[in-house]
Amino acid sequence: MGGTEDNPLIAIQDEVRTHFGWELQADIDSAKSMKLAFDGNEPFGLSKWNSGERNQALGDLQIKLLKATAVVFVGAAVEPQELEEMVGDGVVFIAADGAVGALPPLANLACIVSDFDGAAHLELAAKSGATIIAHAHGDNMKAWNECVETWSYFSNPPALVLSHQTPHYFEGMHNWGGFTDGDRALCMAHSLGISFDDVYLVGYTLSRVGQWSGRTQESRKLAKLQWMAIVVQMLGLEQQID
C-alpha cells in the first residue's frame, strides 16, 4: 500500500515535514533501507519476518480488530489504572510504542505501533512475541536497525509489519497516514476497515509529555502533539483527546 496525493491522512506528512524543516529524502532513505533489510526469505535470519509472514501478521491483526467488541488505543499519557478498568471479553488494545508498559497483565494486546522510542517497555513486549508495526522515518534508521537485530535473537521474536511516511511505494511496507505513533495507529485501523463506533482513546493529551514517552525533547514533543490532534480531528475522534 503506497501513499497517494488525494489521501489527506498521508498528505499531512508533507505539511509536518515543512513545519519542522525535515527533508523528505531522509524519510525515503530510512524506508528504502528498511525495505532492503527485510527482502529475501529470511530477513535477519528469520523466515518469520519475510514478506509473506508479515502479510499474514497484518491479516491476523485485521481479523482480531474486526472481531473485537471494542478497540482501545493507548497513548503515552495513560495511567495504568485507567486500562485496568477497560479490560474485558472482546476488548483489544493497541499501544503507542512505550505505552505498552502501562498495560495490565490480562489486557489483550493486538499490536504496538512503534518508531522505536519505547526503550525497555518495547523490548519486553518484543520478547513476548507481540505484533509490532515497525516504522521507518528519517532520524530512526540506527534505532530500528539495532532493535530488529537484537530482536532477531529472541527465542520468540515479535511478528512485524513495516511502515513508512513517504508518498512513494515500497513493496512490503505501508503508509496509512498520520505522523506520531498514536495517530498512525488510528490511521492504520481506519485503513483496515475498523469501525470507530467502539473505539476508545486513552492517554491521548495535548497538554503534557506522557510518562510512557520514550526519548524526546519536551518542546518538540508538544509541537508534534498539535499535529497529532489535527489527524485525530480528521478521523472524527477529537472529543476523546484530553
Protein backbone atom coordinates (compact mmCIF):
# COMPACT_ATOMS: atom_id res chain seq x y z
CA MET A 1 0.00 0.00 0.00
CA GLY A 2 1.56 3.28 -1.05
CA GLY A 3 0.77 6.89 -0.37
CA THR A 4 -1.49 8.88 -2.65
CA GLU A 5 -1.74 12.62 -3.00
CA ASP A 6 -5.52 12.58 -2.60
CA ASN A 7 -5.35 10.95 0.84
CA PRO A 8 -5.28 13.81 3.39
CA LEU A 9 -4.03 11.48 6.11
CA ILE A 10 -0.88 10.95 4.03
CA ALA A 11 -0.66 14.45 2.56
CA ILE A 12 -0.38 15.94 6.05
CA GLN A 13 3.03 14.27 6.36
CA ASP A 14 4.37 16.82 3.86
CA GLU A 15 2.97 19.64 5.99
CA VAL A 16 4.65 18.23 9.07
CA ARG A 17 8.00 17.94 7.31
CA THR A 18 7.73 21.53 6.12
CA HIS A 19 6.79 22.76 9.60
CA PHE A 20 9.78 21.13 11.29
CA GLY A 21 12.21 21.63 8.41
CA TRP A 22 12.72 17.91 7.84
CA GLU A 23 13.77 16.56 4.47
CA LEU A 24 11.63 14.03 2.63
CA GLN A 25 14.82 12.37 1.39
CA ALA A 26 15.71 11.31 4.93
CA ASP A 27 12.38 9.51 5.27
CA ILE A 28 12.89 7.91 1.86
CA ASP A 29 16.39 6.72 2.78
CA SER A 30 15.17 5.11 6.00
CA ALA A 31 12.23 3.43 4.26
CA LYS A 32 14.43 2.19 1.43
CA SER A 33 16.96 0.82 3.91
CA MET A 34 14.24 -0.99 5.85
CA LYS A 35 12.78 -2.47 2.68
CA LEU A 36 16.16 -3.80 1.60
CA ALA A 37 16.90 -5.16 5.08
CA PHE A 38 13.70 -7.20 5.03
CA ASP A 39 13.97 -8.50 1.48
CA GLY A 40 14.52 -12.21 0.99
CA ASN A 41 13.16 -15.37 2.56
CA GLU A 42 14.92 -14.99 5.90
CA PRO A 43 15.45 -11.33 6.88
CA PHE A 44 17.85 -11.18 9.83
CA GLY A 45 17.91 -14.97 9.66
CA LEU A 46 14.17 -15.34 10.36
CA SER A 47 11.55 -16.69 7.97
CA LYS A 48 9.02 -15.17 10.39
CA TRP A 49 9.95 -11.74 9.03
CA ASN A 50 9.68 -12.38 5.29
CA SER A 51 7.03 -10.58 3.23
CA GLY A 52 4.59 -13.48 3.28
CA GLU A 53 4.72 -13.81 7.05
CA ARG A 54 4.43 -10.04 7.50
CA ASN A 55 1.34 -10.03 5.30
CA GLN A 56 -0.07 -12.85 7.41
CA ALA A 57 0.64 -10.87 10.58
CA LEU A 58 -1.26 -7.89 9.18
CA GLY A 59 -4.15 -10.09 8.09
CA ASP A 60 -4.34 -11.71 11.52
CA LEU A 61 -4.28 -8.26 13.13
CA GLN A 62 -7.11 -7.06 10.90
CA ILE A 63 -9.25 -10.06 11.81
CA LYS A 64 -8.56 -9.55 15.50
CA LEU A 65 -9.57 -5.90 15.33
CA LEU A 66 -12.70 -6.59 13.29
CA LYS A 67 -13.84 -9.26 15.75
CA ALA A 68 -13.22 -7.10 18.82
CA THR A 69 -16.13 -5.65 20.76
CA ALA A 70 -14.00 -2.58 21.49
CA VAL A 71 -10.57 -1.32 20.47
CA VAL A 72 -8.64 0.78 22.99
CA PHE A 73 -5.82 2.97 21.70
CA VAL A 74 -3.26 3.62 24.41
CA GLY A 75 -1.27 6.86 24.34
CA ALA A 76 1.79 7.91 26.29
CA ALA A 77 -0.09 9.90 28.95
CA VAL A 78 -2.16 6.94 30.11
CA GLU A 79 -2.48 5.97 33.76
CA PRO A 80 -2.35 2.19 34.28
CA GLN A 81 -5.49 2.16 36.43
CA GLU A 82 -7.47 3.57 33.50
CA LEU A 83 -6.63 0.46 31.50
CA GLU A 84 -7.40 -1.97 34.30
CA GLU A 85 -11.00 -0.76 34.24
CA MET A 86 -11.25 -1.39 30.48
CA VAL A 87 -10.01 -4.99 30.33
CA GLY A 88 -12.83 -7.34 29.37
CA ASP A 89 -14.06 -10.00 26.98
CA GLY A 90 -13.59 -8.93 23.38
CA VAL A 91 -11.66 -5.76 24.26
CA VAL A 92 -8.30 -5.43 22.49
CA PHE A 93 -5.58 -2.83 22.94
CA ILE A 94 -3.29 -1.03 20.51
CA ALA A 95 -0.36 0.65 22.24
CA ALA A 96 1.63 3.61 21.00
CA ASP A 97 5.23 2.48 21.48
CA GLY A 98 6.37 2.63 25.13
CA ALA A 99 2.78 2.97 26.36
CA VAL A 100 2.65 -0.81 26.10
CA GLY A 101 4.36 -0.74 29.50
CA ALA A 102 1.15 0.56 31.06
CA LEU A 103 -0.96 -2.43 30.01
CA PRO A 104 -2.15 -4.71 32.81
CA PRO A 105 -1.22 -8.41 32.55
CA LEU A 106 -4.69 -9.51 31.44
CA ALA A 107 -5.01 -6.94 28.64
CA ASN A 108 -5.41 -8.44 25.16
CA LEU A 109 -2.71 -6.64 23.17
CA ALA A 110 -3.43 -6.51 19.44
CA CYS A 111 -0.26 -4.68 18.42
CA ILE A 112 2.22 -1.93 19.18
CA VAL A 113 2.75 0.94 16.75
CA SER A 114 6.38 1.97 17.18
CA ASP A 115 9.07 4.20 15.78
CA PHE A 116 11.50 2.57 18.24
CA ASP A 117 11.38 5.11 21.07
CA GLY A 118 9.78 2.68 23.52
CA ALA A 119 13.01 1.50 25.15
CA ALA A 120 12.67 -1.22 27.79
CA HIS A 121 8.87 -1.49 27.54
CA LEU A 122 9.04 -2.11 23.81
CA GLU A 123 11.83 -4.65 24.17
CA LEU A 124 9.91 -6.60 26.81
CA ALA A 125 6.89 -6.78 24.52
CA ALA A 126 9.12 -7.82 21.63
CA LYS A 127 10.48 -10.68 23.74
CA SER A 128 6.94 -11.93 24.29
CA GLY A 129 6.31 -12.22 20.54
CA ALA A 130 3.93 -9.27 20.27
CA THR A 131 2.94 -7.87 16.88
CA ILE A 132 4.84 -4.64 16.22
CA ILE A 133 4.14 -2.11 13.47
CA ALA A 134 7.76 -1.12 12.83
CA HIS A 135 8.02 2.41 11.46
CA ALA A 136 10.89 3.91 9.46
CA HIS A 137 11.47 7.66 9.42
CA GLY A 138 14.36 9.98 8.75
CA ASP A 139 16.04 10.02 12.14
CA ASN A 140 15.47 6.50 13.44
CA MET A 141 17.44 4.38 10.97
CA LYS A 142 20.09 3.49 13.54
CA ALA A 143 17.44 2.74 16.17
CA TRP A 144 15.36 0.37 14.06
CA ASN A 145 18.45 -1.44 12.78
CA GLU A 146 19.75 -2.01 16.30
CA CYS A 147 16.37 -3.08 17.65
CA VAL A 148 15.47 -5.60 14.97
CA GLU A 149 18.96 -7.04 15.11
CA THR A 150 18.53 -7.59 18.85
CA TRP A 151 15.02 -8.94 18.47
CA SER A 152 16.14 -11.48 15.88
CA TYR A 153 17.97 -13.38 18.64
CA PHE A 154 14.94 -13.69 20.92
CA SER A 155 13.51 -17.18 21.36
CA ASN A 156 10.07 -15.82 20.42
CA PRO A 157 10.67 -12.80 18.18
CA PRO A 158 7.85 -10.34 17.54
CA ALA A 159 5.69 -10.50 14.44
CA LEU A 160 6.45 -7.47 12.30
CA VAL A 161 4.57 -5.22 9.89
CA LEU A 162 6.63 -2.46 8.24
CA SER A 163 5.51 1.14 7.76
CA HIS A 164 6.93 4.37 6.38
CA GLN A 165 5.97 8.03 5.90
CA THR A 166 6.76 8.88 2.29
CA PRO A 167 4.48 9.45 -0.72
CA HIS A 168 6.27 6.65 -2.57
CA TYR A 169 5.52 2.95 -2.86
CA PHE A 170 7.82 0.49 -1.12
CA GLU A 171 6.96 -3.15 -1.66
CA GLY A 172 6.24 -4.90 1.61
CA MET A 173 5.74 -1.63 3.52
CA HIS A 174 2.69 0.51 4.28
CA ASN A 175 1.84 4.16 4.70
CA TRP A 176 -1.59 4.54 6.25
CA GLY A 177 -1.07 8.19 7.07
CA GLY A 178 -0.57 10.11 10.28
CA PHE A 179 2.57 11.21 11.99
CA THR A 180 3.01 10.23 15.65
CA ASP A 181 2.71 6.64 16.86
CA GLY A 182 -0.66 7.45 18.41
CA ASP A 183 -2.34 8.90 15.35
CA ARG A 184 -0.60 6.49 12.95
CA ALA A 185 -2.26 3.70 14.93
CA LEU A 186 -5.65 5.27 14.26
CA CYS A 187 -4.88 5.73 10.56
CA MET A 188 -3.89 2.08 10.34
CA ALA A 189 -7.12 0.93 11.96
CA HIS A 190 -9.14 3.22 9.69
CA SER A 191 -7.40 1.78 6.61
CA LEU A 192 -8.11 -1.76 7.80
CA GLY A 193 -11.82 -1.01 7.93
CA ILE A 194 -12.23 -0.83 11.70
CA SER A 195 -15.42 0.94 12.78
CA PHE A 196 -14.75 3.88 15.09
CA ASP A 197 -18.11 3.38 16.85
CA ASP A 198 -16.44 1.25 19.51
CA VAL A 199 -13.02 2.87 19.64
CA TYR A 200 -11.60 4.50 22.75
CA LEU A 201 -8.56 6.75 23.08
CA VAL A 202 -6.85 6.67 26.46
CA GLY A 203 -3.76 8.70 27.31
CA TYR A 204 -4.04 10.99 24.29
CA THR A 205 -3.35 14.52 25.52
CA LEU A 206 -2.05 17.83 24.16
CA SER A 207 -1.02 19.42 27.44
CA ARG A 208 1.96 17.35 28.55
CA VAL A 209 4.50 14.75 27.50
CA GLY A 210 3.24 11.42 28.77
CA GLN A 211 5.18 9.35 31.25
CA TRP A 212 5.38 6.49 28.76
CA SER A 213 7.01 8.58 26.04
CA GLY A 214 10.47 7.48 25.00
CA ARG A 215 13.48 9.66 24.28
CA THR A 216 12.14 13.08 23.41
CA GLN A 217 12.66 16.82 23.67
CA GLU A 218 9.66 18.22 25.56
CA SER A 219 9.02 21.35 23.48
CA ARG A 220 9.27 19.45 20.20
CA LYS A 221 7.08 16.63 21.51
CA LEU A 222 4.37 19.10 22.48
CA ALA A 223 4.57 20.60 18.98
CA LYS A 224 4.19 17.12 17.48
CA LEU A 225 1.10 16.54 19.61
CA GLN A 226 -0.58 19.50 17.94
CA TRP A 227 -0.18 17.70 14.61
CA MET A 228 -1.49 14.52 16.20
CA ALA A 229 -4.61 16.47 17.18
CA ILE A 230 -5.18 17.53 13.57
CA VAL A 231 -5.04 13.91 12.38
CA VAL A 232 -7.35 12.77 15.17
CA GLN A 233 -9.78 15.52 14.21
CA MET A 234 -9.66 14.40 10.58
CA LEU A 235 -10.77 10.98 11.80
CA GLY A 236 -13.60 12.46 13.89
CA LEU A 237 -12.24 11.45 17.29
CA GLU A 238 -11.09 14.82 18.63
CA GLN A 239 -13.57 14.66 21.53
CA GLN A 240 -11.51 11.83 23.01
CA ILE A 241 -8.33 13.91 23.40
CA ASP A 242 -7.68 15.48 26.81
